[in-house]
């Protein structure tokens, strides 16, 4: 399948699911009442999704990769925050596991996309150096 829109990217689709899981969890239990923590984890999940979209909208691959890198870092931030939520018993272990797995999937898909893009940069650079003028 050819990617024509950011919505076609598997990493963005996973990030969207991550946002949904985080937002649904933020409505429950003690987390719903801890506004600072709730805001931070929601912000990190949104950053993961939105930076993929923003990176897709950039014209240069190197510039795009910067945003994809922020996205994967934000997915890691979500994962880190889950330790706080677990320690404080804000969510059930089942909720934490589901969000953790989705954050890891989002990060892994984004890193794979970055690796692919870096490979295209290397291929282009080799072709440019070996192409006779």
N, C-alpha and C. Protein backbone atom coordinates (compact mmCIF):
# COMPACT_ATOMS: atom_id res chain seq x y z
N UNK A 1 0.84 -1.19 0.00
CA UNK A 1 0.00 0.00 0.00
C UNK A 1 0.88 1.24 0.00
N UNK A 2 0.57 2.15 -0.87
CA UNK A 2 1.31 3.40 -0.94
C UNK A 2 0.78 4.39 0.10
N UNK A 3 1.71 5.01 0.79
CA UNK A 3 1.35 6.00 1.81
C UNK A 3 1.15 7.35 1.12
N UNK A 4 -0.06 7.85 1.20
CA UNK A 4 -0.37 9.14 0.60
C UNK A 4 -0.73 10.19 1.63
N UNK A 5 -1.14 9.73 2.82
CA UNK A 5 -1.55 10.63 3.89
C UNK A 5 -0.95 10.12 5.19
N UNK A 6 -0.78 10.98 6.16
CA UNK A 6 -0.22 10.53 7.43
C UNK A 6 -1.11 9.47 8.07
N UNK A 7 -2.39 9.52 7.78
CA UNK A 7 -3.32 8.54 8.33
C UNK A 7 -3.03 7.12 7.84
N UNK A 8 -2.28 7.00 6.75
CA UNK A 8 -1.92 5.69 6.20
C UNK A 8 -0.75 5.05 6.95
N UNK A 9 -0.02 5.84 7.71
CA UNK A 9 1.16 5.32 8.42
C UNK A 9 0.75 4.45 9.60
N UNK A 10 1.32 3.27 9.68
CA UNK A 10 1.00 2.35 10.78
C UNK A 10 1.40 2.94 12.13
N UNK A 11 2.50 3.69 12.17
CA UNK A 11 2.92 4.29 13.44
C UNK A 11 1.90 5.33 13.91
N UNK A 12 1.33 6.09 12.97
CA UNK A 12 0.31 7.07 13.35
C UNK A 12 -0.95 6.36 13.84
N UNK A 13 -1.33 5.29 13.17
CA UNK A 13 -2.52 4.53 13.57
C UNK A 13 -2.35 3.97 14.99
N UNK A 14 -1.16 3.46 15.29
CA UNK A 14 -0.89 2.96 16.65
C UNK A 14 -0.92 4.10 17.66
N UNK A 15 -0.35 5.24 17.29
CA UNK A 15 -0.34 6.40 18.18
C UNK A 15 -1.77 6.88 18.45
N UNK A 16 -2.60 6.82 17.44
CA UNK A 16 -4.01 7.21 17.63
C UNK A 16 -4.69 6.29 18.63
N UNK A 17 -4.41 4.99 18.53
CA UNK A 17 -4.97 4.04 19.49
C UNK A 17 -4.41 4.30 20.89
N UNK A 18 -3.14 4.67 20.97
CA UNK A 18 -2.53 5.01 22.25
C UNK A 18 -3.24 6.20 22.88
N UNK A 19 -3.50 7.22 22.09
CA UNK A 19 -4.21 8.40 22.59
C UNK A 19 -5.58 8.01 23.14
N UNK A 20 -6.28 7.17 22.40
CA UNK A 20 -7.62 6.75 22.85
C UNK A 20 -7.53 6.02 24.19
N UNK A 21 -6.58 5.09 24.31
CA UNK A 21 -6.43 4.36 25.57
C UNK A 21 -6.11 5.29 26.74
N UNK A 22 -5.20 6.23 26.50
CA UNK A 22 -4.81 7.17 27.55
C UNK A 22 -5.99 8.07 27.94
N UNK A 23 -6.70 8.59 26.95
CA UNK A 23 -7.83 9.47 27.24
C UNK A 23 -8.94 8.73 27.98
N UNK A 24 -9.19 7.48 27.60
CA UNK A 24 -10.22 6.70 28.30
C UNK A 24 -9.79 6.43 29.75
N UNK A 25 -8.53 6.07 29.93
CA UNK A 25 -8.03 5.81 31.29
C UNK A 25 -8.05 7.07 32.14
N UNK A 26 -7.83 8.22 31.52
CA UNK A 26 -7.77 9.49 32.26
C UNK A 26 -9.13 9.88 32.83
N UNK A 27 -10.18 9.24 32.37
CA UNK A 27 -11.53 9.52 32.89
C UNK A 27 -11.86 8.69 34.12
N UNK A 28 -10.96 7.77 34.49
CA UNK A 28 -11.31 6.81 35.54
C UNK A 28 -10.48 6.99 36.80
N UNK A 29 -11.04 6.51 37.89
CA UNK A 29 -10.33 6.41 39.16
C UNK A 29 -9.66 7.68 39.63
N UNK A 30 -8.59 7.46 40.36
CA UNK A 30 -7.83 8.57 40.94
C UNK A 30 -7.18 9.45 39.88
N UNK A 31 -6.84 8.87 38.75
CA UNK A 31 -6.20 9.66 37.70
C UNK A 31 -7.12 10.79 37.24
N UNK A 32 -8.40 10.55 37.23
CA UNK A 32 -9.36 11.58 36.81
C UNK A 32 -9.29 12.81 37.70
N UNK A 33 -8.85 12.62 38.95
CA UNK A 33 -8.79 13.74 39.90
C UNK A 33 -7.40 14.37 40.02
N UNK A 34 -6.37 13.71 39.47
CA UNK A 34 -5.01 14.24 39.53
C UNK A 34 -4.75 14.98 38.22
N UNK A 35 -5.11 16.25 38.20
CA UNK A 35 -5.11 17.03 36.96
C UNK A 35 -3.72 17.17 36.34
N UNK A 36 -2.69 17.36 37.16
CA UNK A 36 -1.34 17.52 36.62
C UNK A 36 -0.85 16.26 35.93
N UNK A 37 -1.00 15.13 36.60
CA UNK A 37 -0.54 13.87 36.03
C UNK A 37 -1.37 13.49 34.80
N UNK A 38 -2.66 13.68 34.90
CA UNK A 38 -3.56 13.39 33.78
C UNK A 38 -3.19 14.26 32.57
N UNK A 39 -2.96 15.52 32.80
CA UNK A 39 -2.58 16.43 31.72
C UNK A 39 -1.28 15.99 31.06
N UNK A 40 -0.29 15.61 31.89
CA UNK A 40 1.02 15.25 31.37
C UNK A 40 0.98 13.99 30.49
N UNK A 41 0.27 12.97 30.94
CA UNK A 41 0.24 11.74 30.14
C UNK A 41 -0.59 11.93 28.87
N UNK A 42 -1.64 12.72 28.96
CA UNK A 42 -2.43 13.01 27.76
C UNK A 42 -1.60 13.81 26.76
N UNK A 43 -0.86 14.77 27.26
CA UNK A 43 0.00 15.60 26.42
C UNK A 43 1.07 14.74 25.72
N UNK A 44 1.67 13.81 26.44
CA UNK A 44 2.69 12.94 25.86
C UNK A 44 2.10 12.05 24.77
N UNK A 45 0.94 11.48 25.03
CA UNK A 45 0.29 10.63 24.02
C UNK A 45 -0.07 11.44 22.78
N UNK A 46 -0.62 12.62 22.98
CA UNK A 46 -0.96 13.49 21.84
C UNK A 46 0.29 13.89 21.06
N UNK A 47 1.38 14.15 21.76
CA UNK A 47 2.63 14.52 21.11
C UNK A 47 3.11 13.38 20.21
N UNK A 48 2.95 12.17 20.68
CA UNK A 48 3.37 11.02 19.88
C UNK A 48 2.58 10.98 18.56
N UNK A 49 1.29 11.17 18.63
CA UNK A 49 0.45 11.12 17.44
C UNK A 49 0.67 12.34 16.54
N UNK A 50 0.65 13.52 17.13
CA UNK A 50 0.70 14.75 16.34
C UNK A 50 2.05 15.01 15.69
N UNK A 51 3.13 14.56 16.32
CA UNK A 51 4.45 14.76 15.71
C UNK A 51 4.64 13.88 14.48
N UNK A 52 3.97 12.74 14.43
CA UNK A 52 4.00 11.94 13.20
C UNK A 52 3.31 12.70 12.08
N UNK A 53 2.16 13.27 12.38
CA UNK A 53 1.44 14.05 11.36
C UNK A 53 2.27 15.26 10.93
N UNK A 54 2.88 15.93 11.88
CA UNK A 54 3.68 17.11 11.54
C UNK A 54 4.91 16.72 10.73
N UNK A 55 5.55 15.63 11.10
CA UNK A 55 6.70 15.15 10.34
C UNK A 55 6.33 14.80 8.91
N UNK A 56 5.17 14.20 8.74
CA UNK A 56 4.70 13.84 7.40
C UNK A 56 4.50 15.07 6.54
N UNK A 57 4.13 16.17 7.17
CA UNK A 57 3.87 17.41 6.44
C UNK A 57 5.12 18.19 6.06
N UNK A 58 6.27 17.76 6.53
CA UNK A 58 7.52 18.45 6.19
C UNK A 58 7.99 18.05 4.80
N UNK A 59 8.77 18.92 4.18
CA UNK A 59 9.21 18.67 2.81
C UNK A 59 10.47 17.83 2.74
N UNK A 60 11.37 17.97 3.68
CA UNK A 60 12.62 17.22 3.64
C UNK A 60 12.59 16.02 4.58
N UNK A 61 13.23 14.94 4.17
CA UNK A 61 13.25 13.73 4.98
C UNK A 61 13.96 13.97 6.31
N UNK A 62 15.08 14.68 6.29
CA UNK A 62 15.82 14.94 7.53
C UNK A 62 14.96 15.73 8.51
N UNK A 63 14.23 16.71 8.01
CA UNK A 63 13.35 17.51 8.85
C UNK A 63 12.22 16.63 9.41
N UNK A 64 11.67 15.77 8.56
CA UNK A 64 10.60 14.87 8.99
C UNK A 64 11.08 13.96 10.11
N UNK A 65 12.28 13.43 9.97
CA UNK A 65 12.82 12.49 10.95
C UNK A 65 12.89 13.12 12.34
N UNK A 66 13.18 14.42 12.41
CA UNK A 66 13.22 15.10 13.71
C UNK A 66 11.88 14.96 14.44
N UNK A 67 10.80 15.12 13.71
CA UNK A 67 9.47 15.02 14.32
C UNK A 67 9.13 13.58 14.68
N UNK A 68 9.52 12.63 13.83
CA UNK A 68 9.29 11.23 14.15
C UNK A 68 10.08 10.82 15.40
N UNK A 69 11.26 11.40 15.56
CA UNK A 69 12.06 11.11 16.75
C UNK A 69 11.39 11.66 18.00
N UNK A 70 10.83 12.84 17.90
CA UNK A 70 10.07 13.40 19.04
C UNK A 70 8.88 12.49 19.36
N UNK A 71 8.24 11.99 18.32
CA UNK A 71 7.09 11.10 18.51
C UNK A 71 7.47 9.85 19.29
N UNK A 72 8.56 9.20 18.89
CA UNK A 72 8.94 7.97 19.59
C UNK A 72 9.35 8.29 21.03
N UNK A 73 9.96 9.45 21.25
CA UNK A 73 10.33 9.85 22.61
C UNK A 73 9.09 10.09 23.47
N UNK A 74 8.07 10.66 22.87
CA UNK A 74 6.82 10.90 23.60
C UNK A 74 6.14 9.59 23.98
N UNK A 75 6.22 8.59 23.11
CA UNK A 75 5.68 7.27 23.45
C UNK A 75 6.43 6.69 24.65
N UNK A 76 7.74 6.94 24.72
CA UNK A 76 8.53 6.49 25.87
C UNK A 76 8.12 7.25 27.13
N UNK A 77 7.78 8.51 26.97
CA UNK A 77 7.32 9.29 28.13
C UNK A 77 6.02 8.69 28.68
N UNK A 78 5.13 8.31 27.80
CA UNK A 78 3.89 7.65 28.25
C UNK A 78 4.25 6.40 29.04
N UNK A 79 5.15 5.60 28.49
CA UNK A 79 5.55 4.36 29.17
C UNK A 79 6.14 4.66 30.55
N UNK A 80 6.98 5.67 30.64
CA UNK A 80 7.57 6.04 31.93
C UNK A 80 6.51 6.46 32.93
N UNK A 81 5.56 7.23 32.48
CA UNK A 81 4.52 7.73 33.38
C UNK A 81 3.64 6.60 33.91
N UNK A 82 3.59 5.50 33.18
CA UNK A 82 2.79 4.37 33.65
C UNK A 82 3.32 3.80 34.97
N UNK A 83 4.62 3.98 35.23
CA UNK A 83 5.16 3.54 36.51
C UNK A 83 4.58 4.35 37.65
N UNK A 84 4.42 5.64 37.43
CA UNK A 84 3.79 6.49 38.45
C UNK A 84 2.35 6.04 38.67
N UNK A 85 1.64 5.83 37.58
CA UNK A 85 0.24 5.42 37.69
C UNK A 85 0.10 4.08 38.39
N UNK A 86 1.05 3.19 38.13
CA UNK A 86 1.05 1.89 38.80
C UNK A 86 1.39 2.05 40.29
N UNK A 87 2.43 2.79 40.57
CA UNK A 87 2.86 2.99 41.96
C UNK A 87 1.77 3.65 42.81
N UNK A 88 1.05 4.57 42.19
CA UNK A 88 0.00 5.30 42.91
C UNK A 88 -1.34 4.56 42.88
N UNK A 89 -1.37 3.43 42.17
CA UNK A 89 -2.60 2.62 42.03
C UNK A 89 -3.73 3.42 41.38
N UNK A 90 -3.36 4.30 40.43
CA UNK A 90 -4.35 5.12 39.73
C UNK A 90 -5.14 4.31 38.70
N UNK A 91 -4.51 3.27 38.14
CA UNK A 91 -5.16 2.43 37.14
C UNK A 91 -4.96 0.97 37.52
N UNK A 92 -5.77 0.12 36.94
CA UNK A 92 -5.58 -1.31 37.16
C UNK A 92 -4.34 -1.77 36.40
N UNK A 93 -3.79 -2.88 36.83
CA UNK A 93 -2.62 -3.43 36.13
C UNK A 93 -2.98 -3.80 34.69
N UNK A 94 -4.21 -4.22 34.46
CA UNK A 94 -4.65 -4.55 33.09
C UNK A 94 -4.64 -3.30 32.21
N UNK A 95 -5.11 -2.18 32.74
CA UNK A 95 -5.09 -0.92 31.97
C UNK A 95 -3.65 -0.50 31.69
N UNK A 96 -2.81 -0.60 32.70
CA UNK A 96 -1.41 -0.20 32.54
C UNK A 96 -0.72 -1.07 31.50
N UNK A 97 -0.96 -2.37 31.55
CA UNK A 97 -0.35 -3.28 30.58
C UNK A 97 -0.81 -2.96 29.16
N UNK A 98 -2.09 -2.71 28.99
CA UNK A 98 -2.63 -2.40 27.66
C UNK A 98 -2.00 -1.12 27.10
N UNK A 99 -1.91 -0.10 27.92
CA UNK A 99 -1.32 1.17 27.47
C UNK A 99 0.18 0.98 27.22
N UNK A 100 0.87 0.25 28.10
CA UNK A 100 2.31 0.01 27.93
C UNK A 100 2.59 -0.69 26.60
N UNK A 101 1.81 -1.73 26.30
CA UNK A 101 2.01 -2.46 25.05
C UNK A 101 1.77 -1.57 23.84
N UNK A 102 0.77 -0.71 23.92
CA UNK A 102 0.47 0.18 22.79
C UNK A 102 1.56 1.26 22.66
N UNK A 103 2.07 1.75 23.77
CA UNK A 103 3.16 2.73 23.72
C UNK A 103 4.40 2.09 23.09
N UNK A 104 4.70 0.86 23.46
CA UNK A 104 5.84 0.15 22.88
C UNK A 104 5.64 -0.10 21.39
N UNK A 105 4.44 -0.50 21.01
CA UNK A 105 4.15 -0.72 19.59
C UNK A 105 4.30 0.58 18.80
N UNK A 106 3.78 1.66 19.35
CA UNK A 106 3.88 2.96 18.69
C UNK A 106 5.34 3.34 18.50
N UNK A 107 6.11 3.20 19.55
CA UNK A 107 7.54 3.54 19.47
C UNK A 107 8.26 2.66 18.45
N UNK A 108 8.03 1.36 18.51
CA UNK A 108 8.71 0.45 17.60
C UNK A 108 8.36 0.71 16.14
N UNK A 109 7.10 0.97 15.86
CA UNK A 109 6.69 1.27 14.48
C UNK A 109 7.31 2.59 14.01
N UNK A 110 7.37 3.56 14.90
CA UNK A 110 7.96 4.86 14.55
C UNK A 110 9.46 4.72 14.31
N UNK A 111 10.13 3.96 15.16
CA UNK A 111 11.57 3.73 14.97
C UNK A 111 11.84 2.97 13.67
N UNK A 112 10.99 2.03 13.33
CA UNK A 112 11.14 1.29 12.07
C UNK A 112 10.97 2.23 10.89
N UNK A 113 10.04 3.16 11.00
CA UNK A 113 9.82 4.12 9.92
C UNK A 113 11.03 5.05 9.79
N UNK A 114 11.57 5.49 10.92
CA UNK A 114 12.78 6.32 10.90
C UNK A 114 13.93 5.57 10.23
N UNK A 115 14.09 4.31 10.60
CA UNK A 115 15.16 3.49 10.01
C UNK A 115 14.98 3.38 8.50
N UNK A 116 13.75 3.15 8.07
CA UNK A 116 13.45 3.08 6.64
C UNK A 116 13.82 4.40 5.95
N UNK A 117 13.41 5.51 6.53
CA UNK A 117 13.69 6.81 5.92
C UNK A 117 15.18 7.10 5.87
N UNK A 118 15.89 6.75 6.92
CA UNK A 118 17.35 6.95 6.92
C UNK A 118 18.00 6.09 5.83
N UNK A 119 17.46 4.92 5.59
CA UNK A 119 17.95 4.06 4.52
C UNK A 119 17.75 4.68 3.15
N UNK A 120 16.62 5.37 2.97
CA UNK A 120 16.39 6.02 1.68
C UNK A 120 17.35 7.19 1.50
N UNK A 121 17.71 7.85 2.59
CA UNK A 121 18.69 8.94 2.51
C UNK A 121 20.06 8.39 2.09
N UNK A 122 20.45 7.28 2.67
CA UNK A 122 21.73 6.66 2.34
C UNK A 122 21.75 6.20 0.89
N UNK A 123 20.67 5.59 0.45
CA UNK A 123 20.57 5.12 -0.94
C UNK A 123 20.66 6.28 -1.91
N UNK A 124 19.94 7.37 -1.62
CA UNK A 124 19.98 8.55 -2.49
C UNK A 124 21.39 9.14 -2.54
N UNK A 125 22.03 9.20 -1.39
CA UNK A 125 23.36 9.78 -1.31
C UNK A 125 24.37 8.94 -2.10
N UNK A 126 24.26 7.61 -2.02
CA UNK A 126 25.16 6.74 -2.78
C UNK A 126 24.91 6.90 -4.27
N UNK A 127 23.65 6.95 -4.67
CA UNK A 127 23.31 7.11 -6.09
C UNK A 127 23.85 8.44 -6.62
N UNK A 128 23.74 9.50 -5.82
CA UNK A 128 24.22 10.80 -6.27
C UNK A 128 25.73 10.81 -6.46
N UNK A 129 26.45 10.12 -5.59
CA UNK A 129 27.91 10.08 -5.68
C UNK A 129 28.40 9.19 -6.83
N UNK A 130 27.62 8.19 -7.18
CA UNK A 130 28.08 7.24 -8.22
C UNK A 130 27.50 7.53 -9.60
N UNK A 131 26.58 8.46 -9.68
CA UNK A 131 25.98 8.79 -10.96
C UNK A 131 26.91 9.72 -11.73
N UNK A 132 27.29 9.31 -12.98
CA UNK A 132 28.16 10.18 -13.77
C UNK A 132 27.44 11.45 -14.19
N UNK A 133 28.20 12.52 -14.28
CA UNK A 133 27.61 13.82 -14.65
C UNK A 133 27.84 14.10 -16.12
